Amino acid sequence: MADLATFGWLVDSITKKIAAFIVEDEHVEYDEALRRVYASKLFGKLNDSETALYREGAAYVYQHYLEERI
């Protein structure tokens, strides 16, 4: 696993990119998009180093977010 600072930076970076995808796709404000990410099950998985989702690209992780919403 990455060190704690790197892990946090990666999770934060992916979270911001997913929020940007939500803004574009769902036509909501950025604050609302962040709220949706934070409220998702995906965010819990992203913060779990055991899942290693933090190592994946934002587009890949966003697909998991979309699947969760179905």
C-alpha atoms as a PDB file:
ATOM      1  CA  MET A   1       0.000   0.000   0.000  1.00  0.00           C
ATOM      2  CA  ALA A   2       1.058   3.575  -0.578  1.00  0.00           C
ATOM      3  CA  ASP A   3       2.085   5.594   2.457  1.00  0.00           C
ATOM      4  CA  LEU A   4      -0.766   7.360   4.259  1.00  0.00           C
ATOM      5  CA  ALA A   5      -0.147  10.781   2.673  1.00  0.00           C
ATOM      6  CA  THR A   6      -0.006   9.332  -0.835  1.00  0.00           C
ATOM      7  CA  PHE A   7      -3.085   7.200  -0.197  1.00  0.00           C
ATOM      8  CA  GLY A   8      -5.022  10.269   0.970  1.00  0.00           C
ATOM      9  CA  TRP A   9      -3.874  12.301  -2.012  1.00  0.00           C
ATOM     10  CA  LEU A  10      -4.903   9.553  -4.452  1.00  0.00           C
ATOM     11  CA  VAL A  11      -8.349   9.163  -2.876  1.00  0.00           C
ATOM     12  CA  ASP A  12      -8.858  12.947  -2.892  1.00  0.00           C
ATOM     13  CA  SER A  13      -7.741  13.235  -6.507  1.00  0.00           C
ATOM     14  CA  ILE A  14     -10.055  10.467  -7.699  1.00  0.00           C
ATOM     15  CA  THR A  15     -12.942  11.890  -5.661  1.00  0.00           C
ATOM     16  CA  LYS A  16     -12.556  15.312  -7.297  1.00  0.00           C
ATOM     17  CA  LYS A  17     -12.443  13.777 -10.778  1.00  0.00           C
ATOM     18  CA  ILE A  18     -15.524  11.654 -10.130  1.00  0.00           C
ATOM     19  CA  ALA A  19     -17.349  14.764  -8.889  1.00  0.00           C
ATOM     20  CA  ALA A  20     -16.375  16.540 -12.107  1.00  0.00           C
ATOM     21  CA  PHE A  21     -17.793  13.633 -14.146  1.00  0.00           C
ATOM     22  CA  ILE A  22     -21.042  13.878 -12.155  1.00  0.00           C
ATOM     23  CA  VAL A  23     -21.253  17.633 -12.769  1.00  0.00           C
ATOM     24  CA  GLU A  24     -20.905  17.020 -16.494  1.00  0.00           C
ATOM     25  CA  ASP A  25     -23.176  13.983 -16.761  1.00  0.00           C
ATOM     26  CA  GLU A  26     -25.880  14.850 -14.238  1.00  0.00           C
ATOM     27  CA  HIS A  27     -25.861  18.660 -14.595  1.00  0.00           C
ATOM     28  CA  VAL A  28     -25.577  19.413 -10.880  1.00  0.00           C
ATOM     29  CA  GLU A  29     -23.414  21.859  -8.949  1.00  0.00           C
ATOM     30  CA  TYR A  30     -19.967  20.695  -7.836  1.00  0.00           C
ATOM     31  CA  ASP A  31     -20.946  20.731  -4.139  1.00  0.00           C
ATOM     32  CA  GLU A  32     -23.891  18.451  -4.877  1.00  0.00           C
ATOM     33  CA  ALA A  33     -21.665  16.156  -6.929  1.00  0.00           C
ATOM     34  CA  LEU A  34     -19.228  15.860  -4.025  1.00  0.00           C
ATOM     35  CA  ARG A  35     -22.107  15.118  -1.654  1.00  0.00           C
ATOM     36  CA  ARG A  36     -23.209  12.297  -3.959  1.00  0.00           C
ATOM     37  CA  VAL A  37     -19.717  10.827  -4.064  1.00  0.00           C
ATOM     38  CA  TYR A  38     -19.283  11.031  -0.284  1.00  0.00           C
ATOM     39  CA  ALA A  39     -22.704   9.402   0.260  1.00  0.00           C
ATOM     40  CA  SER A  40     -21.990   6.512  -2.102  1.00  0.00           C
ATOM     41  CA  LYS A  41     -20.927   3.003  -1.146  1.00  0.00           C
ATOM     42  CA  LEU A  42     -18.146   3.465  -3.672  1.00  0.00           C
ATOM     43  CA  PHE A  43     -16.542   6.158  -1.507  1.00  0.00           C
ATOM     44  CA  GLY A  44     -16.270   3.691   1.345  1.00  0.00           C
ATOM     45  CA  LYS A  45     -14.622   1.179  -0.970  1.00  0.00           C
ATOM     46  CA  LEU A  46     -12.305   3.855  -2.341  1.00  0.00           C
ATOM     47  CA  ASN A  47     -11.165   4.654   1.203  1.00  0.00           C
ATOM     48  CA  ASP A  48     -10.533   0.994   1.961  1.00  0.00           C
ATOM     49  CA  SER A  49      -6.913   0.261   1.027  1.00  0.00           C
ATOM     50  CA  GLU A  50      -7.767  -3.449   0.795  1.00  0.00           C
ATOM     51  CA  THR A  51      -9.881  -2.854  -2.332  1.00  0.00           C
ATOM     52  CA  ALA A  52      -6.970  -1.100  -4.088  1.00  0.00           C
ATOM     53  CA  LEU A  53      -9.473   1.097  -5.959  1.00  0.00           C
ATOM     54  CA  TYR A  54      -7.270   4.073  -5.106  1.00  0.00           C
ATOM     55  CA  ARG A  55      -4.758   2.646  -7.611  1.00  0.00           C
ATOM     56  CA  GLU A  56      -7.204   2.765 -10.508  1.00  0.00           C
ATOM     57  CA  GLY A  57      -7.952   5.611 -12.868  1.00  0.00           C
ATOM     58  CA  ALA A  58     -10.823   7.962 -12.137  1.00  0.00           C
ATOM     59  CA  ALA A  59     -12.804   6.877 -15.215  1.00  0.00           C
ATOM     60  CA  TYR A  60     -12.631   3.246 -14.103  1.00  0.00           C
ATOM     61  CA  VAL A  61     -13.744   4.131 -10.574  1.00  0.00           C
ATOM     62  CA  TYR A  62     -16.531   6.323 -11.991  1.00  0.00           C
ATOM     63  CA  GLN A  63     -17.897   3.289 -13.823  1.00  0.00           C
ATOM     64  CA  HIS A  64     -18.244   1.593 -10.445  1.00  0.00           C
ATOM     65  CA  TYR A  65     -20.118   4.665  -9.192  1.00  0.00           C
ATOM     66  CA  LEU A  66     -22.494   4.463 -12.153  1.00  0.00           C
ATOM     67  CA  GLU A  67     -23.077   0.750 -11.617  1.00  0.00           C
ATOM     68  CA  GLU A  68     -23.913   1.416  -7.984  1.00  0.00           C
ATOM     69  CA  ARG A  69     -26.573   3.895  -9.017  1.00  0.00           C
ATOM     70  CA  ILE A  70     -28.418   1.404 -11.249  1.00  0.00           C
END
